[in-house]
Amino acid sequence: MNRSTCPVIAIDGPTASGKGTVAALVAAELGFHYLDSGAIYRVLAVAAARQGLNPENQVNLQQIIAMAANLPVQFQGDKVLLNGHDVSEA
């Protein structure tokens, strides 16, 4: 599918309000892919912590931003893989 014609649905709301659950159900019903953007932020935090990078440090922050551009992350069902290792619980 061409990116310019790819439908996107965004759901906003407070933490733990059920946004992810609703989004997953809507995606399944419509036959769309579901992207858990929160999982992306969390896996980036795991990768940065494993590298000993502190986002409060400006130099580290720039390294984290660069890391995000090439983060080796995969989503397989409920699993989040970083460099092929399951970091779902982390």
Protein backbone atom coordinates (compact mmCIF):
# COMPACT_ATOMS: atom_id res chain seq x y z
CA MET A 1 0.00 0.00 0.00
CA ASN A 2 1.27 3.46 -0.87
CA ARG A 3 2.06 5.53 2.23
CA SER A 4 -0.01 8.43 0.93
CA THR A 5 -3.10 6.20 0.81
CA CYS A 6 -2.41 4.17 3.96
CA PRO A 7 -5.18 4.81 6.49
CA VAL A 8 -4.08 5.85 9.96
CA ILE A 9 -6.23 6.00 13.07
CA ALA A 10 -4.90 7.66 16.23
CA ILE A 11 -6.49 7.30 19.66
CA ASP A 12 -5.50 9.75 22.38
CA GLY A 13 -6.34 9.71 26.05
CA PRO A 14 -4.95 9.34 29.55
CA THR A 15 -2.67 6.53 30.68
CA ALA A 16 -4.33 3.17 31.34
CA SER A 17 -7.66 4.29 29.86
CA GLY A 18 -7.92 1.39 27.42
CA LYS A 19 -6.59 3.12 24.29
CA GLY A 20 -4.40 0.17 23.33
CA THR A 21 -7.18 -2.33 23.83
CA VAL A 22 -9.62 -0.29 21.74
CA ALA A 23 -6.99 0.31 19.05
CA ALA A 24 -6.13 -3.39 18.79
CA LEU A 25 -9.81 -4.33 18.52
CA VAL A 26 -10.52 -1.66 15.88
CA ALA A 27 -7.44 -2.72 13.89
CA ALA A 28 -8.49 -6.37 14.00
CA GLU A 29 -12.05 -5.54 12.97
CA LEU A 30 -10.91 -3.37 10.04
CA GLY A 31 -8.08 -5.69 8.99
CA PHE A 32 -5.44 -3.03 9.74
CA HIS A 33 -2.03 -3.48 11.29
CA TYR A 34 -1.79 -2.32 14.90
CA LEU A 35 1.25 -0.32 15.98
CA ASP A 36 1.80 -0.04 19.72
CA SER A 37 3.68 3.28 19.76
CA GLY A 38 4.12 3.02 23.52
CA ALA A 39 6.07 -0.20 23.00
CA ILE A 40 8.44 1.66 20.68
CA TYR A 41 9.16 4.26 23.38
CA ARG A 42 9.65 1.52 25.97
CA VAL A 43 12.01 -0.56 23.82
CA LEU A 44 14.05 2.56 23.05
CA ALA A 45 14.30 3.22 26.79
CA VAL A 46 15.48 -0.38 27.34
CA ALA A 47 18.10 -0.04 24.58
CA ALA A 48 19.34 3.28 25.97
CA ALA A 49 19.53 1.94 29.52
CA ARG A 50 21.49 -1.09 28.33
CA GLN A 51 23.98 1.29 26.73
CA GLY A 52 24.17 3.31 29.95
CA LEU A 53 22.74 6.39 28.27
CA ASN A 54 20.97 8.98 30.41
CA PRO A 55 18.49 11.16 28.45
CA GLU A 56 19.06 14.00 30.95
CA ASN A 57 22.59 14.35 29.52
CA GLN A 58 22.47 16.35 26.24
CA VAL A 59 25.22 14.27 24.60
CA ASN A 60 23.45 11.05 25.60
CA LEU A 61 20.17 12.45 24.35
CA GLN A 62 21.66 12.97 20.89
CA GLN A 63 22.96 9.38 20.95
CA ILE A 64 19.50 8.11 21.92
CA ILE A 65 17.92 10.07 19.08
CA ALA A 66 20.43 8.54 16.64
CA MET A 67 19.79 5.10 18.15
CA ALA A 68 16.03 5.50 17.55
CA ALA A 69 16.58 5.96 13.82
CA ASN A 70 18.14 2.50 13.50
CA LEU A 71 16.65 0.59 16.41
CA PRO A 72 16.71 -3.16 15.60
CA VAL A 73 13.21 -3.85 16.94
CA GLN A 74 10.65 -6.39 15.77
CA PHE A 75 7.12 -7.07 16.96
CA GLN A 76 5.98 -10.70 16.90
CA GLY A 77 2.49 -11.02 18.31
CA ASP A 78 2.74 -9.88 21.93
CA LYS A 79 6.53 -10.10 21.92
CA VAL A 80 8.93 -7.18 21.46
CA LEU A 81 12.34 -8.20 20.17
CA LEU A 82 15.43 -6.02 20.45
CA ASN A 83 18.35 -7.37 18.40
CA GLY A 84 16.41 -10.64 18.21
CA HIS A 85 16.08 -10.94 22.01
CA ASP A 86 12.70 -10.87 23.75
CA VAL A 87 12.52 -7.71 25.88
CA SER A 88 8.75 -7.78 26.37
CA GLU A 89 9.00 -8.00 30.15
CA ALA A 90 11.75 -5.37 30.37
